[in-house]
Amino acid sequence: MSQTAEVTRSTREVAEDWFDALTRGDADSAFSLLDPDVEFINYTPVPGFNTDMQWIGTHHGTEAALQSLNVFLSICEVRFEELLKLIVEDDEAIGVIHEISSVRATGKEFDIEFVQRLTVRDGKIIRWKSYTDPSPIIRALRSEG
């Protein structure tokens, strides 16, 4: 390898840094791992069911992903996040995260496990998809019940 060749970080290294930054609440470090053209799929909106979660949908590029995160943080306060499991194979990493957050407007807490599936290429996350059962979040967003 020539001295000018760039060493590409492994999928595991990128994923470990990603989840470490997220669970510390360090969005700047986490977002530095995203490819500028990242595809962020934050659940699929289902009108009349989960669209109370105003931050969900498919977002393209780091700026759109950051806007989605900022909408989430303006509505919810993350109180606890912990990586429970990390699975890495080839260019894919899957993390299972336990999160406890509260909705600012209602004061209600939700406790969830969610999955993030990352695709890493050339040391950057090019695709980020999140999965969870949104029911606890929706219940906390609604003032009744």
N, C-alpha and C. Protein backbone atom coordinates (compact mmCIF):
# COMPACT_ATOMS: atom_id res chain seq x y z
N MET A 1 0.85 -1.18 0.00
CA MET A 1 0.00 0.00 0.00
C MET A 1 0.89 1.23 0.00
N SER A 2 0.56 2.18 -0.83
CA SER A 2 1.36 3.41 -0.89
C SER A 2 1.08 4.28 0.33
N GLN A 3 1.96 5.20 0.60
CA GLN A 3 1.79 6.08 1.76
C GLN A 3 0.59 7.00 1.60
N THR A 4 0.15 7.25 0.39
CA THR A 4 -0.99 8.15 0.17
C THR A 4 -2.32 7.42 0.18
N ALA A 5 -2.30 6.10 0.20
CA ALA A 5 -3.55 5.35 0.21
C ALA A 5 -4.28 5.54 1.54
N GLU A 6 -5.58 5.73 1.45
CA GLU A 6 -6.39 5.91 2.64
C GLU A 6 -6.83 4.55 3.16
N VAL A 7 -6.72 4.35 4.46
CA VAL A 7 -7.16 3.11 5.07
C VAL A 7 -8.65 3.25 5.38
N THR A 8 -9.44 2.32 4.84
CA THR A 8 -10.88 2.35 5.07
C THR A 8 -11.19 1.60 6.36
N ARG A 9 -11.98 2.22 7.20
CA ARG A 9 -12.35 1.59 8.47
C ARG A 9 -13.34 0.46 8.20
N SER A 10 -13.28 -0.56 9.01
CA SER A 10 -14.14 -1.72 8.85
C SER A 10 -15.58 -1.40 9.24
N THR A 11 -16.48 -2.23 8.77
CA THR A 11 -17.89 -2.09 9.14
C THR A 11 -18.04 -2.14 10.65
N ARG A 12 -17.35 -3.06 11.30
CA ARG A 12 -17.45 -3.17 12.76
C ARG A 12 -16.96 -1.90 13.44
N GLU A 13 -15.84 -1.36 13.01
CA GLU A 13 -15.31 -0.13 13.62
C GLU A 13 -16.29 1.03 13.47
N VAL A 14 -16.83 1.18 12.28
CA VAL A 14 -17.79 2.26 12.03
C VAL A 14 -19.03 2.06 12.89
N ALA A 15 -19.56 0.84 12.93
CA ALA A 15 -20.77 0.56 13.71
C ALA A 15 -20.52 0.78 15.20
N GLU A 16 -19.39 0.32 15.71
CA GLU A 16 -19.10 0.52 17.14
C GLU A 16 -19.02 2.00 17.46
N ASP A 17 -18.35 2.78 16.61
CA ASP A 17 -18.26 4.23 16.83
C ASP A 17 -19.64 4.88 16.74
N TRP A 18 -20.46 4.44 15.78
CA TRP A 18 -21.81 4.98 15.59
C TRP A 18 -22.65 4.77 16.85
N PHE A 19 -22.72 3.54 17.32
CA PHE A 19 -23.56 3.25 18.48
C PHE A 19 -23.00 3.85 19.76
N ASP A 20 -21.69 3.93 19.87
CA ASP A 20 -21.08 4.59 21.02
C ASP A 20 -21.48 6.07 21.05
N ALA A 21 -21.38 6.74 19.91
CA ALA A 21 -21.74 8.16 19.84
C ALA A 21 -23.23 8.36 20.13
N LEU A 22 -24.07 7.52 19.55
CA LEU A 22 -25.52 7.66 19.77
C LEU A 22 -25.88 7.49 21.24
N THR A 23 -25.34 6.46 21.88
CA THR A 23 -25.71 6.20 23.28
C THR A 23 -25.12 7.24 24.22
N ARG A 24 -24.10 7.99 23.77
CA ARG A 24 -23.56 9.11 24.57
C ARG A 24 -24.28 10.42 24.26
N GLY A 25 -25.15 10.39 23.24
CA GLY A 25 -25.84 11.61 22.84
C GLY A 25 -24.97 12.56 22.04
N ASP A 26 -23.93 12.03 21.39
CA ASP A 26 -22.99 12.85 20.62
C ASP A 26 -23.36 12.78 19.14
N ALA A 27 -24.35 13.59 18.74
CA ALA A 27 -24.83 13.57 17.36
C ALA A 27 -23.76 14.00 16.37
N ASP A 28 -22.90 14.94 16.75
CA ASP A 28 -21.85 15.40 15.82
C ASP A 28 -20.92 14.25 15.43
N SER A 29 -20.48 13.47 16.42
CA SER A 29 -19.60 12.34 16.13
C SER A 29 -20.33 11.28 15.31
N ALA A 30 -21.59 11.01 15.67
CA ALA A 30 -22.36 10.02 14.93
C ALA A 30 -22.54 10.45 13.48
N PHE A 31 -22.95 11.70 13.28
CA PHE A 31 -23.24 12.16 11.92
C PHE A 31 -21.99 12.30 11.08
N SER A 32 -20.82 12.39 11.69
CA SER A 32 -19.58 12.42 10.92
C SER A 32 -19.32 11.07 10.24
N LEU A 33 -20.00 10.02 10.68
CA LEU A 33 -19.84 8.69 10.11
C LEU A 33 -20.78 8.43 8.93
N LEU A 34 -21.68 9.37 8.66
CA LEU A 34 -22.63 9.20 7.57
C LEU A 34 -22.04 9.68 6.26
N ASP A 35 -22.31 8.94 5.20
CA ASP A 35 -21.97 9.38 3.86
C ASP A 35 -22.84 10.60 3.54
N PRO A 36 -22.33 11.60 2.82
CA PRO A 36 -23.14 12.78 2.51
C PRO A 36 -24.46 12.45 1.81
N ASP A 37 -24.51 11.33 1.09
CA ASP A 37 -25.72 10.93 0.38
C ASP A 37 -26.47 9.80 1.09
N VAL A 38 -26.30 9.68 2.39
CA VAL A 38 -26.92 8.59 3.16
C VAL A 38 -28.44 8.54 2.90
N GLU A 39 -28.96 7.33 2.87
CA GLU A 39 -30.40 7.12 2.84
C GLU A 39 -30.81 6.70 4.25
N PHE A 40 -31.64 7.51 4.90
CA PHE A 40 -32.09 7.24 6.26
C PHE A 40 -33.58 6.92 6.20
N ILE A 41 -33.90 5.67 6.52
CA ILE A 41 -35.30 5.22 6.52
C ILE A 41 -35.70 5.05 7.99
N ASN A 42 -36.44 6.01 8.47
CA ASN A 42 -36.84 6.03 9.87
C ASN A 42 -38.31 5.64 9.96
N TYR A 43 -38.57 4.36 9.81
CA TYR A 43 -39.90 3.78 9.80
C TYR A 43 -40.66 4.24 8.55
N THR A 44 -41.71 3.53 8.24
CA THR A 44 -42.56 3.87 7.11
C THR A 44 -43.83 4.51 7.64
N PRO A 45 -44.13 5.74 7.24
CA PRO A 45 -45.36 6.38 7.73
C PRO A 45 -46.61 5.63 7.27
N VAL A 46 -47.53 5.41 8.20
CA VAL A 46 -48.82 4.80 7.90
C VAL A 46 -49.87 5.82 8.39
N PRO A 47 -50.47 6.59 7.45
CA PRO A 47 -51.44 7.62 7.84
C PRO A 47 -52.53 7.06 8.75
N GLY A 48 -52.81 7.81 9.81
CA GLY A 48 -53.82 7.40 10.77
C GLY A 48 -53.30 6.46 11.84
N PHE A 49 -52.06 6.02 11.71
CA PHE A 49 -51.50 5.12 12.72
C PHE A 49 -50.26 5.73 13.38
N ASN A 50 -49.16 5.88 12.64
CA ASN A 50 -47.91 6.31 13.27
C ASN A 50 -47.43 7.70 12.87
N THR A 51 -48.26 8.44 12.16
CA THR A 51 -47.81 9.76 11.71
C THR A 51 -47.82 10.80 12.82
N ASP A 52 -48.24 10.41 14.04
CA ASP A 52 -48.03 11.29 15.20
C ASP A 52 -46.52 11.47 15.43
N MET A 53 -45.75 10.50 14.96
CA MET A 53 -44.28 10.57 15.05
C MET A 53 -43.80 11.40 13.85
N GLN A 54 -43.75 12.70 14.04
CA GLN A 54 -43.52 13.64 12.93
C GLN A 54 -42.14 13.51 12.29
N TRP A 55 -41.24 12.81 12.90
CA TRP A 55 -39.86 12.71 12.42
C TRP A 55 -39.64 11.52 11.48
N ILE A 56 -40.65 10.66 11.32
CA ILE A 56 -40.42 9.43 10.54
C ILE A 56 -40.50 9.69 9.04
N GLY A 57 -40.04 8.71 8.28
CA GLY A 57 -40.06 8.77 6.83
C GLY A 57 -38.69 8.46 6.27
N THR A 58 -38.56 8.60 4.96
CA THR A 58 -37.28 8.36 4.30
C THR A 58 -36.64 9.71 4.01
N HIS A 59 -35.38 9.82 4.40
CA HIS A 59 -34.63 11.07 4.28
C HIS A 59 -33.34 10.79 3.51
N HIS A 60 -32.97 11.70 2.62
CA HIS A 60 -31.78 11.53 1.81
C HIS A 60 -30.77 12.63 2.12
N GLY A 61 -29.56 12.22 2.47
CA GLY A 61 -28.49 13.16 2.77
C GLY A 61 -28.40 13.45 4.26
N THR A 62 -27.20 13.87 4.68
CA THR A 62 -26.97 14.12 6.11
C THR A 62 -27.82 15.26 6.65
N GLU A 63 -28.04 16.30 5.85
CA GLU A 63 -28.84 17.43 6.32
C GLU A 63 -30.28 17.00 6.61
N ALA A 64 -30.88 16.22 5.73
CA ALA A 64 -32.24 15.74 5.95
C ALA A 64 -32.31 14.80 7.15
N ALA A 65 -31.30 13.95 7.32
CA ALA A 65 -31.25 13.05 8.48
C ALA A 65 -31.14 13.85 9.77
N LEU A 66 -30.31 14.89 9.76
CA LEU A 66 -30.16 15.75 10.93
C LEU A 66 -31.46 16.48 11.25
N GLN A 67 -32.15 16.95 10.22
CA GLN A 67 -33.44 17.61 10.44
C GLN A 67 -34.43 16.66 11.10
N SER A 68 -34.46 15.41 10.66
CA SER A 68 -35.33 14.41 11.26
C SER A 68 -34.98 14.21 12.74
N LEU A 69 -33.70 14.08 13.03
CA LEU A 69 -33.26 13.92 14.42
C LEU A 69 -33.65 15.14 15.26
N ASN A 70 -33.48 16.33 14.71
CA ASN A 70 -33.83 17.55 15.45
C ASN A 70 -35.32 17.64 15.73
N VAL A 71 -36.16 17.17 14.79
CA VAL A 71 -37.60 17.13 15.05
C VAL A 71 -37.87 16.18 16.21
N PHE A 72 -37.27 15.00 16.18
CA PHE A 72 -37.43 14.04 17.27
C PHE A 72 -37.03 14.66 18.61
N LEU A 73 -35.85 15.30 18.65
CA LEU A 73 -35.35 15.86 19.90
C LEU A 73 -36.16 17.07 20.37
N SER A 74 -36.84 17.75 19.46
CA SER A 74 -37.70 18.87 19.88
C SER A 74 -38.98 18.35 20.52
N ILE A 75 -39.35 17.12 20.21
CA ILE A 75 -40.58 16.52 20.73
C ILE A 75 -40.31 15.60 21.91
N CYS A 76 -39.19 14.90 21.87
CA CYS A 76 -38.86 13.89 22.88
C CYS A 76 -37.53 14.19 23.54
N GLU A 77 -37.41 13.78 24.78
CA GLU A 77 -36.15 13.87 25.52
C GLU A 77 -35.64 12.46 25.78
N VAL A 78 -34.47 12.15 25.26
CA VAL A 78 -33.87 10.84 25.49
C VAL A 78 -33.27 10.84 26.89
N ARG A 79 -33.69 9.88 27.70
CA ARG A 79 -33.18 9.78 29.08
C ARG A 79 -32.14 8.68 29.24
N PHE A 80 -32.24 7.66 28.38
CA PHE A 80 -31.33 6.52 28.51
C PHE A 80 -31.28 5.80 27.17
N GLU A 81 -30.08 5.44 26.74
CA GLU A 81 -29.90 4.58 25.57
C GLU A 81 -28.73 3.66 25.82
N GLU A 82 -28.93 2.38 25.45
CA GLU A 82 -27.87 1.39 25.63
C GLU A 82 -27.90 0.40 24.48
N LEU A 83 -26.74 0.14 23.92
CA LEU A 83 -26.62 -0.89 22.88
C LEU A 83 -26.65 -2.25 23.57
N LEU A 84 -27.63 -3.07 23.18
CA LEU A 84 -27.77 -4.40 23.77
C LEU A 84 -27.06 -5.48 22.97
N LYS A 85 -27.03 -5.30 21.65
CA LYS A 85 -26.43 -6.33 20.80
C LYS A 85 -25.99 -5.70 19.49
N LEU A 86 -24.85 -6.17 18.99
CA LEU A 86 -24.34 -5.72 17.70
C LEU A 86 -23.96 -6.95 16.89
N ILE A 87 -24.51 -7.02 15.68
CA ILE A 87 -24.20 -8.12 14.76
C ILE A 87 -23.63 -7.48 13.50
N VAL A 88 -22.48 -7.99 13.04
CA VAL A 88 -21.83 -7.44 11.86
C VAL A 88 -21.51 -8.57 10.89
N GLU A 89 -21.87 -8.37 9.64
CA GLU A 89 -21.52 -9.32 8.59
C GLU A 89 -21.30 -8.55 7.30
N ASP A 90 -20.14 -8.71 6.72
CA ASP A 90 -19.77 -8.01 5.48
C ASP A 90 -19.96 -6.51 5.66
N ASP A 91 -20.82 -5.88 4.83
CA ASP A 91 -20.98 -4.43 4.91
C ASP A 91 -22.23 -4.03 5.71
N GLU A 92 -22.82 -4.99 6.43
CA GLU A 92 -24.04 -4.73 7.21
C GLU A 92 -23.75 -4.85 8.71
N ALA A 93 -24.36 -3.94 9.47
CA ALA A 93 -24.30 -4.00 10.94
C ALA A 93 -25.71 -3.78 11.46
N ILE A 94 -26.08 -4.58 12.45
CA ILE A 94 -27.39 -4.46 13.07
C ILE A 94 -27.19 -4.28 14.57
N GLY A 95 -27.74 -3.19 15.09
CA GLY A 95 -27.66 -2.91 16.51
C GLY A 95 -29.04 -2.91 17.13
N VAL A 96 -29.15 -3.52 18.31
CA VAL A 96 -30.39 -3.51 19.09
C VAL A 96 -30.15 -2.56 20.26
N ILE A 97 -31.01 -1.55 20.37
CA ILE A 97 -30.82 -0.49 21.36
C ILE A 97 -32.03 -0.44 22.30
N HIS A 98 -31.76 -0.29 23.58
CA HIS A 98 -32.81 -0.05 24.57
C HIS A 98 -32.84 1.45 24.83
N GLU A 99 -34.02 2.05 24.72
CA GLU A 99 -34.16 3.49 24.92
C GLU A 99 -35.32 3.77 25.87
N ILE A 100 -35.09 4.73 26.75
CA ILE A 100 -36.14 5.29 27.58
C ILE A 100 -36.15 6.78 27.30
N SER A 101 -37.28 7.28 26.85
CA SER A 101 -37.42 8.70 26.54
C SER A 101 -38.76 9.19 27.06
N SER A 102 -38.94 10.50 27.03
CA SER A 102 -40.23 11.07 27.39
C SER A 102 -40.63 12.09 26.35
N VAL A 103 -41.93 12.28 26.24
CA VAL A 103 -42.49 13.27 25.32
C VAL A 103 -42.61 14.58 26.09
N ARG A 104 -42.01 15.63 25.56
CA ARG A 104 -41.98 16.92 26.25
C ARG A 104 -43.38 17.46 26.53
N ALA A 105 -44.29 17.39 25.56
CA ALA A 105 -45.61 18.01 25.70
C ALA A 105 -46.51 17.27 26.69
N THR A 106 -46.38 15.96 26.79
CA THR A 106 -47.28 15.18 27.65
C THR A 106 -46.61 14.77 28.96
N GLY A 107 -45.28 14.77 28.99
CA GLY A 107 -44.55 14.30 30.16
C GLY A 107 -44.54 12.79 30.27
N LYS A 108 -45.14 12.10 29.31
CA LYS A 108 -45.22 10.64 29.37
C LYS A 108 -43.93 10.01 28.86
N GLU A 109 -43.57 8.91 29.51
CA GLU A 109 -42.35 8.18 29.18
C GLU A 109 -42.68 7.00 28.26
N PHE A 110 -41.73 6.65 27.41
CA PHE A 110 -41.83 5.41 26.66
C PHE A 110 -40.52 4.65 26.78
N ASP A 111 -40.64 3.34 26.80
CA ASP A 111 -39.52 2.42 26.98
C ASP A 111 -39.58 1.44 25.82
N ILE A 112 -38.59 1.50 24.93
CA ILE A 112 -38.61 0.68 23.73
C ILE A 112 -37.28 0.00 23.49
N GLU A 113 -37.31 -1.03 22.68
CA GLU A 113 -36.13 -1.57 22.03
C GLU A 113 -36.32 -1.27 20.56
N PHE A 114 -35.26 -0.81 19.90
CA PHE A 114 -35.34 -0.59 18.47
C PHE A 114 -34.10 -1.14 17.81
N VAL A 115 -34.21 -1.36 16.52
CA VAL A 115 -33.13 -1.93 15.74
C VAL A 115 -32.70 -0.92 14.69
N GLN A 116 -31.40 -0.77 14.53
CA GLN A 116 -30.85 0.03 13.44
C GLN A 116 -30.01 -0.89 12.57
N ARG A 117 -30.32 -0.86 11.28
CA ARG A 117 -29.58 -1.65 10.30
C ARG A 117 -28.76 -0.68 9.47
N LEU A 118 -27.46 -0.84 9.52
CA LEU A 118 -26.53 0.06 8.83
C LEU A 118 -25.86 -0.67 7.68
N THR A 119 -25.68 0.03 6.58
CA THR A 119 -24.86 -0.46 5.48
C THR A 119 -23.67 0.48 5.38
N VAL A 120 -22.47 -0.10 5.41
CA VAL A 120 -21.23 0.69 5.42
C VAL A 120 -20.45 0.42 4.14
N ARG A 121 -20.00 1.49 3.53
CA ARG A 121 -19.16 1.38 2.34
C ARG A 121 -18.06 2.43 2.44
N ASP A 122 -16.82 2.02 2.19
CA ASP A 122 -15.67 2.93 2.23
C ASP A 122 -15.60 3.72 3.53
N GLY A 123 -15.93 3.04 4.64
CA GLY A 123 -15.80 3.65 5.96
C GLY A 123 -16.90 4.62 6.34
N LYS A 124 -17.97 4.68 5.56
CA LYS A 124 -19.09 5.59 5.85
C LYS A 124 -20.41 4.83 5.79
N ILE A 125 -21.38 5.28 6.54
CA ILE A 125 -22.71 4.68 6.54
C ILE A 125 -23.47 5.25 5.35
N ILE A 126 -23.86 4.36 4.43
CA ILE A 126 -24.58 4.81 3.23
C ILE A 126 -26.08 4.58 3.34
N ARG A 127 -26.49 3.68 4.27
CA ARG A 127 -27.91 3.42 4.47
C ARG A 127 -28.12 3.14 5.95
N TRP A 128 -29.18 3.75 6.49
CA TRP A 128 -29.49 3.62 7.91
C TRP A 128 -31.00 3.44 8.00
N LYS A 129 -31.41 2.27 8.49
CA LYS A 129 -32.83 1.98 8.60
C LYS A 129 -33.17 1.59 10.03
N SER A 130 -34.25 2.18 10.56
CA SER A 130 -34.68 1.91 11.93
C SER A 130 -35.99 1.15 11.95
N TYR A 131 -36.10 0.27 12.95
CA TYR A 131 -37.29 -0.54 13.14
C TYR A 131 -37.66 -0.54 14.62
N THR A 132 -38.96 -0.47 14.92
CA THR A 132 -39.44 -0.66 16.28
C THR A 132 -40.94 -0.85 16.26
N ASP A 133 -41.49 -1.28 17.37
CA ASP A 133 -42.93 -1.23 17.57
C ASP A 133 -43.23 0.19 18.04
N PRO A 134 -43.95 0.99 17.25
CA PRO A 134 -44.16 2.39 17.61
C PRO A 134 -45.25 2.61 18.67
N SER A 135 -45.95 1.57 19.08
CA SER A 135 -47.09 1.72 19.99
C SER A 135 -46.75 2.49 21.27
N PRO A 136 -45.66 2.17 21.98
CA PRO A 136 -45.36 2.93 23.20
C PRO A 136 -45.08 4.41 22.92
N ILE A 137 -44.47 4.70 21.79
CA ILE A 137 -44.18 6.10 21.44
C ILE A 137 -45.49 6.84 21.15
N ILE A 138 -46.34 6.22 20.36
CA ILE A 138 -47.62 6.84 20.01
C ILE A 138 -48.46 7.10 21.25
N ARG A 139 -48.50 6.13 22.15
CA ARG A 139 -49.25 6.31 23.41
C ARG A 139 -48.71 7.49 24.20
N ALA A 140 -47.38 7.63 24.27
CA ALA A 140 -46.79 8.74 25.02
C ALA A 140 -47.02 10.09 24.34
N LEU A 141 -47.13 10.09 23.01
CA LEU A 141 -47.38 11.34 22.28
C LEU A 141 -48.78 11.86 22.49
N ARG A 142 -49.72 10.98 22.71
CA ARG A 142 -51.11 11.38 22.84
C ARG A 142 -51.41 11.79 24.29
N SER A 143 -52.12 12.87 24.44
CA SER A 143 -52.38 13.39 25.78
C SER A 143 -53.38 12.53 26.57
N GLU A 144 -54.26 11.84 25.87
CA GLU A 144 -55.22 10.96 26.56
C GLU A 144 -54.61 9.58 26.74
N GLY A 145 -55.18 8.79 27.62
CA GLY A 145 -54.78 7.39 27.77
C GLY A 145 -53.56 7.28 28.51
